Amino acid sequence: MTDFLDGADMVMRFLIIRHKSLPLIGPPPGCRSNASSGEKLKHQSLETLMELIRADWQSTSNTFASPHKGYYITGKLNTAIYRDDCWFDGPDPDMPVRGVRKYLNAAGQLFDKSTSTAELLTIEIQHSQTKQPTIVAKWKLKGVLQLPWHPSVPTWTGTTIYHLDEDRLVHKHEELWDISVAQAFTQTLWPQLGNLLWKRKEQPERQ
């Protein structure tokens, strides 16, 4: 019974932290992000911004042996280059989310930090003739969710586009996955079934 109650408590905390429709409740006090609206680094060069974003993908903590423990895993990033009302969008059902603090509250409690990794593959500046330039990062993620049965998320790659405003602050954080939401969640919650289904779909049709 004790194990059951501990598991139920973990699930409830996970849902409360992750669910975007509970702004009045919010995460438990011990699980809240320390992100605050301090002084912003406006009008930085694109190269400087790119390096600051690159640093967010690399853990500076001695706690982790692997360097691939960026903000997708730790929930820690340089808020000085983000607008406080930044719009976070992506395939995750808990998105879109507006606000750096709200996003980090969810991101910081999603993965088991000791066994999960988020590896930055490439990062580059992309220019446009009609709008502000963007910074584009490609990454690979592998993780274990902080739930009682510790489900493993299938390894997948994706892209994050950092949209900049006139002050060169990130006003939109756009995430794209190279697998479908259905595949990600099926392989996470029912790995045997998910692997069977998606492996069949990936096999070439016989002539």
C-alpha atoms as a PDB file:
ATOM      1  CA  MET A   1       0.000   0.000   0.000  1.00  0.00           C
ATOM      2  CA  THR A   2       2.869   2.369   0.803  1.00  0.00           C
ATOM      3  CA  ASP A   3       4.441   1.721  -2.595  1.00  0.00           C
ATOM      4  CA  PHE A   4       1.076   2.308  -4.259  1.00  0.00           C
ATOM      5  CA  LEU A   5       0.585   5.636  -2.444  1.00  0.00           C
ATOM      6  CA  ASP A   6       4.122   6.760  -3.274  1.00  0.00           C
ATOM      7  CA  GLY A   7       3.521   5.894  -6.916  1.00  0.00           C
ATOM      8  CA  ALA A   8       0.184   7.698  -6.982  1.00  0.00           C
ATOM      9  CA  ASP A   9       1.789  10.765  -5.415  1.00  0.00           C
ATOM     10  CA  MET A  10       4.539  10.745  -8.055  1.00  0.00           C
ATOM     11  CA  VAL A  11       2.003  10.482 -10.876  1.00  0.00           C
ATOM     12  CA  MET A  12      -0.093  13.351  -9.482  1.00  0.00           C
ATOM     13  CA  ARG A  13       2.964  15.582  -9.086  1.00  0.00           C
ATOM     14  CA  PHE A  14       4.028  14.731 -12.645  1.00  0.00           C
ATOM     15  CA  LEU A  15       0.595  15.618 -14.051  1.00  0.00           C
ATOM     16  CA  ILE A  16       0.279  18.824 -12.028  1.00  0.00           C
ATOM     17  CA  ILE A  17       3.731  20.015 -13.076  1.00  0.00           C
ATOM     18  CA  ARG A  18       3.230  19.133 -16.736  1.00  0.00           C
ATOM     19  CA  HIS A  19      -0.347  20.248 -17.297  1.00  0.00           C
ATOM     20  CA  LYS A  20      -0.540  23.698 -18.859  1.00  0.00           C
ATOM     21  CA  SER A  21      -4.187  24.210 -17.839  1.00  0.00           C
ATOM     22  CA  LEU A  22      -3.453  24.490 -14.117  1.00  0.00           C
ATOM     23  CA  PRO A  23      -1.907  27.973 -13.794  1.00  0.00           C
ATOM     24  CA  LEU A  24      -3.585  28.663 -10.456  1.00  0.00           C
ATOM     25  CA  ILE A  25      -2.243  25.517  -8.832  1.00  0.00           C
ATOM     26  CA  GLY A  26       1.178  25.278 -10.391  1.00  0.00           C
ATOM     27  CA  PRO A  27       3.870  22.789  -9.408  1.00  0.00           C
ATOM     28  CA  PRO A  28       4.603  21.918  -5.767  1.00  0.00           C
ATOM     29  CA  PRO A  29       6.861  24.542  -4.112  1.00  0.00           C
ATOM     30  CA  GLY A  30       9.912  22.280  -4.172  1.00  0.00           C
ATOM     31  CA  CYS A  31       9.543  21.685  -7.915  1.00  0.00           C
ATOM     32  CA  ARG A  32       9.252  25.281  -9.115  1.00  0.00           C
ATOM     33  CA  SER A  33      11.787  26.839 -11.414  1.00  0.00           C
ATOM     34  CA  ASN A  34      14.002  29.611 -10.042  1.00  0.00           C
ATOM     35  CA  ALA A  35      13.856  31.447 -13.366  1.00  0.00           C
ATOM     36  CA  SER A  36      13.239  35.142 -12.767  1.00  0.00           C
ATOM     37  CA  SER A  37      12.788  38.205 -14.913  1.00  0.00           C
ATOM     38  CA  GLY A  38      16.172  39.852 -14.495  1.00  0.00           C
ATOM     39  CA  GLU A  39      18.120  42.113 -16.812  1.00  0.00           C
ATOM     40  CA  LYS A  40      17.928  41.068 -20.453  1.00  0.00           C
ATOM     41  CA  LEU A  41      20.847  40.785 -22.873  1.00  0.00           C
ATOM     42  CA  LYS A  42      19.396  42.817 -25.719  1.00  0.00           C
ATOM     43  CA  HIS A  43      20.923  43.561 -29.117  1.00  0.00           C
ATOM     44  CA  GLN A  44      23.553  40.842 -28.928  1.00  0.00           C
ATOM     45  CA  SER A  45      25.248  39.682 -32.105  1.00  0.00           C
ATOM     46  CA  LEU A  46      23.829  36.570 -33.722  1.00  0.00           C
ATOM     47  CA  GLU A  47      27.112  34.754 -33.095  1.00  0.00           C
ATOM     48  CA  THR A  48      26.975  35.602 -29.380  1.00  0.00           C
ATOM     49  CA  LEU A  49      23.379  34.426 -29.108  1.00  0.00           C
ATOM     50  CA  MET A  50      24.235  31.202 -30.883  1.00  0.00           C
ATOM     51  CA  GLU A  51      27.040  30.487 -28.417  1.00  0.00           C
ATOM     52  CA  LEU A  52      24.808  31.285 -25.434  1.00  0.00           C
ATOM     53  CA  ILE A  53      22.204  28.842 -26.753  1.00  0.00           C
ATOM     54  CA  ARG A  54      24.934  26.274 -27.379  1.00  0.00           C
ATOM     55  CA  ALA A  55      26.000  26.621 -23.739  1.00  0.00           C
ATOM     56  CA  ASP A  56      22.417  25.875 -22.613  1.00  0.00           C
ATOM     57  CA  TRP A  57      22.744  22.483 -24.318  1.00  0.00           C
ATOM     58  CA  GLN A  58      25.877  21.597 -22.346  1.00  0.00           C
ATOM     59  CA  SER A  59      25.761  20.886 -18.634  1.00  0.00           C
ATOM     60  CA  THR A  60      28.056  23.019 -16.480  1.00  0.00           C
ATOM     61  CA  SER A  61      27.328  20.918 -13.409  1.00  0.00           C
ATOM     62  CA  ASN A  62      29.877  18.472 -12.021  1.00  0.00           C
ATOM     63  CA  THR A  63      26.963  16.250 -11.032  1.00  0.00           C
ATOM     64  CA  PHE A  64      26.758  14.742 -14.509  1.00  0.00           C
ATOM     65  CA  ALA A  65      29.560  12.832 -16.193  1.00  0.00           C
ATOM     66  CA  SER A  66      27.987  13.257 -19.637  1.00  0.00           C
ATOM     67  CA  PRO A  67      28.127  16.697 -21.306  1.00  0.00           C
ATOM     68  CA  HIS A  68      24.752  16.064 -22.971  1.00  0.00           C
ATOM     69  CA  LYS A  69      22.623  17.326 -20.090  1.00  0.00           C
ATOM     70  CA  GLY A  70      21.230  20.537 -21.512  1.00  0.00           C
ATOM     71  CA  TYR A  71      18.082  22.442 -20.596  1.00  0.00           C
ATOM     72  CA  TYR A  72      15.751  19.846 -22.120  1.00  0.00           C
ATOM     73  CA  ILE A  73      16.898  17.579 -19.281  1.00  0.00           C
ATOM     74  CA  THR A  74      17.844  19.981 -16.478  1.00  0.00           C
ATOM     75  CA  GLY A  75      15.214  22.680 -17.052  1.00  0.00           C
ATOM     76  CA  LYS A  76      17.919  25.351 -16.752  1.00  0.00           C
ATOM     77  CA  LEU A  77      18.664  27.926 -19.428  1.00  0.00           C
ATOM     78  CA  ASN A  78      19.928  31.477 -19.805  1.00  0.00           C
ATOM     79  CA  THR A  79      16.696  33.445 -19.313  1.00  0.00           C
ATOM     80  CA  ALA A  80      18.497  36.709 -20.096  1.00  0.00           C
ATOM     81  CA  ILE A  81      18.192  36.033 -23.838  1.00  0.00           C
ATOM     82  CA  TYR A  82      14.476  35.122 -23.679  1.00  0.00           C
ATOM     83  CA  ARG A  83      11.464  37.381 -23.378  1.00  0.00           C
ATOM     84  CA  ASP A  84       9.551  36.602 -20.206  1.00  0.00           C
ATOM     85  CA  ASP A  85       6.437  35.987 -22.334  1.00  0.00           C
ATOM     86  CA  CYS A  86       8.269  33.753 -24.830  1.00  0.00           C
ATOM     87  CA  TRP A  87       5.958  31.383 -26.717  1.00  0.00           C
ATOM     88  CA  PHE A  88       7.044  27.722 -26.515  1.00  0.00           C
ATOM     89  CA  ASP A  89       5.454  25.579 -29.209  1.00  0.00           C
ATOM     90  CA  GLY A  90       5.936  21.993 -30.346  1.00  0.00           C
ATOM     91  CA  PRO A  91       4.348  18.556 -30.853  1.00  0.00           C
ATOM     92  CA  ASP A  92       4.161  17.820 -27.105  1.00  0.00           C
ATOM     93  CA  PRO A  93       0.467  17.793 -26.025  1.00  0.00           C
ATOM     94  CA  ASP A  94       1.396  20.121 -23.142  1.00  0.00           C
ATOM     95  CA  MET A  95       2.393  22.805 -25.639  1.00  0.00           C
ATOM     96  CA  PRO A  96       1.964  25.577 -26.541  1.00  0.00           C
ATOM     97  CA  VAL A  97       3.041  27.292 -23.336  1.00  0.00           C
ATOM     98  CA  ARG A  98       3.601  31.024 -22.836  1.00  0.00           C
ATOM     99  CA  GLY A  99       6.254  32.163 -20.380  1.00  0.00           C
ATOM    100  CA  VAL A 100       9.800  31.057 -19.552  1.00  0.00           C
ATOM    101  CA  ARG A 101       9.050  30.178 -15.930  1.00  0.00           C
ATOM    102  CA  LYS A 102       6.068  28.011 -16.845  1.00  0.00           C
ATOM    103  CA  TYR A 103       8.037  26.155 -19.512  1.00  0.00           C
ATOM    104  CA  LEU A 104      10.965  25.468 -17.205  1.00  0.00           C
ATOM    105  CA  ASN A 105       8.665  24.272 -14.422  1.00  0.00           C
ATOM    106  CA  ALA A 106       7.530  21.507 -16.768  1.00  0.00           C
ATOM    107  CA  ALA A 107      10.852  20.771 -18.482  1.00  0.00           C
ATOM    108  CA  GLY A 108      12.812  20.475 -15.251  1.00  0.00           C
ATOM    109  CA  GLN A 109      10.588  17.720 -13.858  1.00  0.00           C
ATOM    110  CA  LEU A 110       9.997  15.637 -16.974  1.00  0.00           C
ATOM    111  CA  PHE A 111      13.108  13.446 -17.257  1.00  0.00           C
ATOM    112  CA  ASP A 112      15.250  11.450 -14.863  1.00  0.00           C
ATOM    113  CA  LYS A 113      18.372  13.604 -15.010  1.00  0.00           C
ATOM    114  CA  SER A 114      20.786  10.782 -14.183  1.00  0.00           C
ATOM    115  CA  THR A 115      19.770   8.552 -17.106  1.00  0.00           C
ATOM    116  CA  SER A 116      18.524  10.987 -19.767  1.00  0.00           C
ATOM    117  CA  THR A 117      20.535  12.856 -22.383  1.00  0.00           C
ATOM    118  CA  ALA A 118      19.909  15.601 -24.926  1.00  0.00           C
ATOM    119  CA  GLU A 119      22.730  15.921 -27.433  1.00  0.00           C
ATOM    120  CA  LEU A 120      23.168  19.004 -29.604  1.00  0.00           C
ATOM    121  CA  LEU A 121      24.083  17.833 -33.112  1.00  0.00           C
ATOM    122  CA  THR A 122      24.323  21.128 -35.021  1.00  0.00           C
ATOM    123  CA  ILE A 123      23.470  24.781 -34.506  1.00  0.00           C
ATOM    124  CA  GLU A 124      23.471  27.534 -37.110  1.00  0.00           C
ATOM    125  CA  ILE A 125      22.170  30.995 -37.985  1.00  0.00           C
ATOM    126  CA  GLN A 126      19.578  31.228 -40.740  1.00  0.00           C
ATOM    127  CA  HIS A 127      18.926  34.544 -42.473  1.00  0.00           C
ATOM    128  CA  SER A 128      15.714  35.671 -44.121  1.00  0.00           C
ATOM    129  CA  GLN A 129      14.943  38.559 -46.452  1.00  0.00           C
ATOM    130  CA  THR A 130      11.448  39.057 -45.079  1.00  0.00           C
ATOM    131  CA  LYS A 131      11.822  38.597 -41.300  1.00  0.00           C
ATOM    132  CA  GLN A 132      14.279  38.489 -38.421  1.00  0.00           C
ATOM    133  CA  PRO A 133      17.028  35.834 -38.628  1.00  0.00           C
ATOM    134  CA  THR A 134      16.596  32.653 -36.616  1.00  0.00           C
ATOM    135  CA  ILE A 135      18.941  30.265 -34.842  1.00  0.00           C
ATOM    136  CA  VAL A 136      18.308  26.594 -35.629  1.00  0.00           C
ATOM    137  CA  ALA A 137      19.501  23.678 -33.500  1.00  0.00           C
ATOM    138  CA  LYS A 138      19.286  20.002 -34.385  1.00  0.00           C
ATOM    139  CA  TRP A 139      19.427  17.527 -31.514  1.00  0.00           C
ATOM    140  CA  LYS A 140      19.067  13.927 -30.360  1.00  0.00           C
ATOM    141  CA  LEU A 141      17.203  13.053 -27.183  1.00  0.00           C
ATOM    142  CA  LYS A 142      17.010   9.904 -25.094  1.00  0.00           C
ATOM    143  CA  GLY A 143      15.287   9.841 -21.731  1.00  0.00           C
ATOM    144  CA  VAL A 144      13.512   8.122 -18.886  1.00  0.00           C
ATOM    145  CA  LEU A 145      10.364   9.801 -17.560  1.00  0.00           C
ATOM    146  CA  GLN A 146      10.003  10.489 -13.848  1.00  0.00           C
ATOM    147  CA  LEU A 147       7.089   8.124 -13.326  1.00  0.00           C
ATOM    148  CA  PRO A 148       6.895   5.124 -10.966  1.00  0.00           C
ATOM    149  CA  TRP A 149       7.464   2.561 -13.722  1.00  0.00           C
ATOM    150  CA  HIS A 150      10.289   4.654 -15.304  1.00  0.00           C
ATOM    151  CA  PRO A 151       9.187   4.445 -18.967  1.00  0.00           C
ATOM    152  CA  SER A 152      11.953   5.043 -21.487  1.00  0.00           C
ATOM    153  CA  VAL A 153      11.353   7.553 -24.255  1.00  0.00           C
ATOM    154  CA  PRO A 154      12.501   6.221 -27.658  1.00  0.00           C
ATOM    155  CA  THR A 155      15.613   7.935 -28.979  1.00  0.00           C
ATOM    156  CA  TRP A 156      14.590  10.526 -31.525  1.00  0.00           C
ATOM    157  CA  THR A 157      15.964  13.583 -33.290  1.00  0.00           C
ATOM    158  CA  GLY A 158      14.383  16.967 -33.703  1.00  0.00           C
ATOM    159  CA  THR A 159      14.873  20.633 -34.471  1.00  0.00           C
ATOM    160  CA  THR A 160      14.417  23.738 -32.335  1.00  0.00           C
ATOM    161  CA  ILE A 161      14.020  27.124 -34.022  1.00  0.00           C
ATOM    162  CA  TYR A 162      14.769  30.199 -31.917  1.00  0.00           C
ATOM    163  CA  HIS A 163      12.830  33.162 -33.333  1.00  0.00           C
ATOM    164  CA  LEU A 164      14.233  36.595 -32.460  1.00  0.00           C
ATOM    165  CA  ASP A 165      12.449  39.914 -32.017  1.00  0.00           C
ATOM    166  CA  GLU A 166      13.746  43.432 -32.784  1.00  0.00           C
ATOM    167  CA  ASP A 167      15.753  43.424 -29.529  1.00  0.00           C
ATOM    168  CA  ARG A 168      17.410  40.125 -30.485  1.00  0.00           C
ATOM    169  CA  LEU A 169      15.595  38.304 -27.679  1.00  0.00           C
ATOM    170  CA  VAL A 170      14.009  34.895 -28.246  1.00  0.00           C
ATOM    171  CA  HIS A 171      10.259  35.513 -28.495  1.00  0.00           C
ATOM    172  CA  LYS A 172       9.308  32.089 -29.900  1.00  0.00           C
ATOM    173  CA  HIS A 173      10.835  28.667 -29.189  1.00  0.00           C
ATOM    174  CA  GLU A 174       9.555  26.318 -31.892  1.00  0.00           C
ATOM    175  CA  GLU A 175      10.177  22.586 -31.557  1.00  0.00           C
ATOM    176  CA  LEU A 176       9.848  20.016 -34.367  1.00  0.00           C
ATOM    177  CA  TRP A 177      10.180  16.238 -34.034  1.00  0.00           C
ATOM    178  CA  ASP A 178      11.393  13.772 -36.652  1.00  0.00           C
ATOM    179  CA  ILE A 179       8.885  11.180 -35.377  1.00  0.00           C
ATOM    180  CA  SER A 180       5.148  11.523 -34.935  1.00  0.00           C
ATOM    181  CA  VAL A 181       3.521  12.197 -31.569  1.00  0.00           C
ATOM    182  CA  ALA A 182       1.669   8.883 -31.883  1.00  0.00           C
ATOM    183  CA  GLN A 183       4.929   6.981 -32.330  1.00  0.00           C
ATOM    184  CA  ALA A 184       6.646   8.766 -29.446  1.00  0.00           C
ATOM    185  CA  PHE A 185       3.854   8.122 -26.956  1.00  0.00           C
ATOM    186  CA  THR A 186       3.101   4.568 -28.097  1.00  0.00           C
ATOM    187  CA  GLN A 187       6.729   3.517 -27.812  1.00  0.00           C
ATOM    188  CA  THR A 188       7.012   5.240 -24.426  1.00  0.00           C
ATOM    189  CA  LEU A 189       3.884   3.896 -22.727  1.00  0.00           C
ATOM    190  CA  TRP A 190       3.617   0.507 -24.504  1.00  0.00           C
ATOM    191  CA  PRO A 191       7.150  -0.138 -25.823  1.00  0.00           C
ATOM    192  CA  GLN A 192       6.563  -3.705 -27.027  1.00  0.00           C
ATOM    193  CA  LEU A 193       3.423  -2.751 -28.928  1.00  0.00           C
ATOM    194  CA  GLY A 194       4.940   0.494 -30.173  1.00  0.00           C
ATOM    195  CA  ASN A 195       8.125  -1.163 -31.414  1.00  0.00           C
ATOM    196  CA  LEU A 196       6.069  -3.820 -33.178  1.00  0.00           C
ATOM    197  CA  LEU A 197       3.784  -1.284 -34.883  1.00  0.00           C
ATOM    198  CA  TRP A 198       6.421   1.179 -35.976  1.00  0.00           C
ATOM    199  CA  LYS A 199       8.950  -1.426 -37.000  1.00  0.00           C
ATOM    200  CA  ARG A 200       6.350  -2.865 -39.347  1.00  0.00           C
ATOM    201  CA  LYS A 201       5.638   0.534 -40.857  1.00  0.00           C
ATOM    202  CA  GLU A 202       9.329   1.232 -41.389  1.00  0.00           C
ATOM    203  CA  GLN A 203       9.917  -2.060 -43.219  1.00  0.00           C
ATOM    204  CA  PRO A 204       9.891  -1.618 -47.022  1.00  0.00           C
ATOM    205  CA  GLU A 205       6.988  -3.189 -48.818  1.00  0.00           C
ATOM    206  CA  ARG A 206       7.742  -6.449 -50.556  1.00  0.00           C
ATOM    207  CA  GLN A 207       7.654  -6.360 -54.316  1.00  0.00           C
END
